[in-house]
């Protein structure tokens, strides 16, 4: 396995890990991975479901942020399975660990957020359909091509829609007016 993070212009096919999942081991997730084990066993996966917590000091199975980011940067797909039946938009996983690291995000349907849309910036489908979608993306030319296009479009949208520099510049006059004597 490669030790350095991939270049910004790397290709989907260059990444050594096919799939990464990082999350607390809820009953719903355990059931999904048990039912999907045969499909997932055909791919190079890193599934991290620590019993003691994801990033807690003193927990031997915890994964620190640098390690999680390093794994995401080497993964073709960041898989997200909701903890429960509530369709949230887990920003930390989908954006920080997935899109920002230029991995393709595959998830269940999520709550909408401005600037990022399912089918355009990440892929979403019902839990029961995830194994087939993952197989298509990782095993076929058309699937890999779609994955490549979506992950690149997602990163571009993230940089465009959530430009922190522009946002801070827009706030600066208001802040200066508020603190001016």
Protein backbone atom coordinates (compact mmCIF):
# COMPACT_ATOMS: atom_id res chain seq x y z
CA UNK A 1 0.00 0.00 0.00
CA UNK A 2 1.16 3.50 -0.82
CA UNK A 3 2.34 5.54 2.17
CA UNK A 4 1.87 9.08 0.82
CA UNK A 5 -1.48 10.72 0.24
CA UNK A 6 -2.53 10.80 -3.42
CA UNK A 7 -2.00 13.90 -5.51
CA UNK A 8 -4.88 16.31 -6.03
CA UNK A 9 -5.20 15.12 -9.61
CA UNK A 10 -5.18 11.41 -8.80
CA UNK A 11 -7.67 9.13 -10.50
CA UNK A 12 -10.35 7.03 -8.84
CA UNK A 13 -8.49 3.91 -9.98
CA UNK A 14 -5.20 5.09 -8.39
CA UNK A 15 -6.50 4.79 -4.84
CA UNK A 16 -5.48 1.53 -3.13
CA UNK A 17 -8.49 1.19 -0.80
CA UNK A 18 -11.77 0.45 -2.53
CA UNK A 19 -14.00 1.40 0.37
CA UNK A 20 -13.76 3.08 3.77
CA UNK A 21 -16.38 3.12 6.49
CA UNK A 22 -15.79 4.83 9.84
CA UNK A 23 -18.61 4.94 12.36
CA UNK A 24 -20.00 3.81 15.68
CA UNK A 25 -21.26 0.22 15.65
CA UNK A 26 -25.02 0.65 15.98
CA UNK A 27 -27.31 -2.35 15.58
CA UNK A 28 -28.50 -1.03 12.22
CA UNK A 29 -24.94 -0.81 10.90
CA UNK A 30 -23.99 -4.22 12.28
CA UNK A 31 -26.96 -5.74 10.48
CA UNK A 32 -26.03 -4.01 7.19
CA UNK A 33 -22.41 -5.18 7.28
CA UNK A 34 -23.41 -8.72 8.25
CA UNK A 35 -25.83 -8.89 5.32
CA UNK A 36 -23.36 -7.25 2.91
CA UNK A 37 -20.26 -9.18 3.97
CA UNK A 38 -20.12 -11.47 0.94
CA UNK A 39 -20.29 -8.54 -1.49
CA UNK A 40 -17.81 -6.40 0.45
CA UNK A 41 -15.34 -9.28 0.80
CA UNK A 42 -14.58 -8.96 -2.93
CA UNK A 43 -13.08 -5.51 -2.39
CA UNK A 44 -10.25 -3.95 -0.40
CA UNK A 45 -12.17 -2.42 2.49
CA UNK A 46 -11.36 -0.70 5.74
CA UNK A 47 -14.37 -0.94 8.05
CA UNK A 48 -13.77 0.78 11.37
CA UNK A 49 -16.58 0.30 13.89
CA UNK A 50 -14.87 0.67 17.29
CA UNK A 51 -16.87 -0.35 20.35
CA UNK A 52 -15.26 2.25 22.62
CA UNK A 53 -15.80 5.34 20.47
CA UNK A 54 -14.40 6.81 17.31
CA UNK A 55 -11.93 9.43 18.54
CA UNK A 56 -11.75 9.24 22.32
CA UNK A 57 -8.42 9.56 24.11
CA UNK A 58 -7.45 6.43 25.97
CA UNK A 59 -9.64 4.12 23.88
CA UNK A 60 -7.31 1.63 22.19
CA UNK A 61 -9.59 1.16 19.16
CA UNK A 62 -10.06 4.90 18.57
CA UNK A 63 -9.02 6.36 15.22
CA UNK A 64 -7.41 9.79 15.46
CA UNK A 65 -8.35 12.44 12.88
CA UNK A 66 -5.03 12.25 11.01
CA UNK A 67 -5.37 8.49 10.57
CA UNK A 68 -9.00 8.80 9.42
CA UNK A 69 -8.06 11.47 6.87
CA UNK A 70 -5.10 9.41 5.65
CA UNK A 71 -7.37 6.43 5.07
CA UNK A 72 -9.97 8.60 3.31
CA UNK A 73 -7.31 10.07 1.01
CA UNK A 74 -6.41 6.54 -0.06
CA UNK A 75 -10.00 5.37 -0.55
CA UNK A 76 -12.02 5.32 -3.73
CA UNK A 77 -15.31 5.36 -1.83
CA UNK A 78 -16.31 6.68 1.56
CA UNK A 79 -19.40 4.73 2.58
CA UNK A 80 -21.87 6.24 5.00
CA UNK A 81 -24.62 4.22 6.66
CA UNK A 82 -26.90 6.18 8.99
CA UNK A 83 -26.83 5.26 12.67
CA UNK A 84 -30.61 5.07 12.71
CA UNK A 85 -33.56 5.45 10.35
CA UNK A 86 -33.32 9.26 10.64
CA UNK A 87 -31.85 10.66 7.38
CA UNK A 88 -29.46 13.33 8.65
CA UNK A 89 -26.61 14.92 6.68
CA UNK A 90 -23.51 13.98 8.67
CA UNK A 91 -21.23 16.83 7.57
CA UNK A 92 -18.15 15.42 9.34
CA UNK A 93 -18.36 12.16 7.40
CA UNK A 94 -19.73 13.21 4.03
CA UNK A 95 -17.87 16.48 3.56
CA UNK A 96 -14.78 16.39 5.78
CA UNK A 97 -13.90 12.71 5.46
CA UNK A 98 -15.34 12.16 1.98
CA UNK A 99 -15.62 15.06 -0.45
CA UNK A 100 -12.79 17.14 1.01
CA UNK A 101 -10.46 14.11 0.72
CA UNK A 102 -11.64 13.62 -2.89
CA UNK A 103 -13.27 10.25 -2.21
CA UNK A 104 -16.61 9.40 -3.78
CA UNK A 105 -19.29 9.48 -1.10
CA UNK A 106 -21.91 6.73 -1.25
CA UNK A 107 -24.65 6.99 1.34
CA UNK A 108 -28.28 6.44 2.09
CA UNK A 109 -30.59 9.37 1.30
CA UNK A 110 -29.69 12.37 3.47
CA UNK A 111 -31.25 15.61 4.58
CA UNK A 112 -30.57 18.29 1.95
CA UNK A 113 -27.81 20.89 2.36
CA UNK A 114 -27.21 23.96 0.18
CA UNK A 115 -24.79 23.43 -2.69
CA UNK A 116 -24.48 19.64 -2.53
CA UNK A 117 -26.95 17.31 -4.23
CA UNK A 118 -27.35 13.55 -4.41
CA UNK A 119 -26.61 12.20 -7.86
CA UNK A 120 -24.45 15.20 -8.67
CA UNK A 121 -21.99 15.48 -5.76
CA UNK A 122 -22.48 12.16 -3.98
CA UNK A 123 -24.50 9.02 -4.59
CA UNK A 124 -27.43 8.03 -2.42
CA UNK A 125 -29.69 5.00 -2.48
CA UNK A 126 -31.70 2.82 -0.13
CA UNK A 127 -29.70 0.72 2.32
CA UNK A 128 -30.74 -2.50 0.58
CA UNK A 129 -29.38 -1.16 -2.75
CA UNK A 130 -25.95 -0.11 -1.45
CA UNK A 131 -24.16 -3.45 -2.13
CA UNK A 132 -25.27 -3.47 -5.79
CA UNK A 133 -24.29 0.18 -6.26
CA UNK A 134 -20.87 -0.41 -4.69
CA UNK A 135 -20.31 -3.44 -6.91
CA UNK A 136 -21.21 -1.47 -10.03
CA UNK A 137 -18.93 1.43 -9.10
CA UNK A 138 -15.96 -0.77 -8.20
CA UNK A 139 -16.31 -3.50 -10.84
CA UNK A 140 -17.35 -1.83 -14.09
CA UNK A 141 -15.87 0.76 -16.42
CA UNK A 142 -19.06 2.83 -16.55
CA UNK A 143 -19.32 2.71 -12.75
CA UNK A 144 -15.72 3.87 -12.29
CA UNK A 145 -16.24 6.64 -14.86
CA UNK A 146 -19.32 7.91 -13.06
CA UNK A 147 -17.49 7.72 -9.72
CA UNK A 148 -14.61 9.76 -11.16
CA UNK A 149 -16.93 12.44 -12.54
CA UNK A 150 -18.98 12.76 -9.36
CA UNK A 151 -16.03 12.94 -6.96
CA UNK A 152 -14.37 15.66 -9.07
CA UNK A 153 -17.63 17.62 -9.38
CA UNK A 154 -18.19 17.30 -5.62
CA UNK A 155 -14.78 18.69 -4.72
CA UNK A 156 -15.21 21.60 -7.15
CA UNK A 157 -18.65 22.38 -5.68
CA UNK A 158 -17.30 22.24 -2.15
CA UNK A 159 -14.53 24.70 -2.95
CA UNK A 160 -16.93 26.98 -4.83
CA UNK A 161 -19.93 26.86 -2.46
CA UNK A 162 -18.04 26.85 0.83
CA UNK A 163 -15.17 29.23 0.16
CA UNK A 164 -14.13 30.22 3.68
CA UNK A 165 -11.95 33.11 2.50
CA UNK A 166 -14.83 34.76 0.62
CA UNK A 167 -17.19 34.15 3.52
CA UNK A 168 -14.81 35.73 6.03
CA UNK A 169 -14.22 38.70 3.70
CA UNK A 170 -17.97 39.27 3.53
CA UNK A 171 -18.16 39.30 7.33
CA UNK A 172 -15.20 41.59 7.89
CA UNK A 173 -17.05 44.92 7.30
CA UNK A 174 -19.79 43.91 9.74
CA UNK A 175 -17.24 42.87 12.37
CA UNK A 176 -15.25 46.07 11.94
CA UNK A 177 -18.41 48.18 12.21
CA UNK A 178 -19.44 46.33 15.35
CA UNK A 179 -16.14 46.96 17.14
CA UNK A 180 -15.44 50.47 15.79
CA UNK A 181 -15.34 53.16 18.49
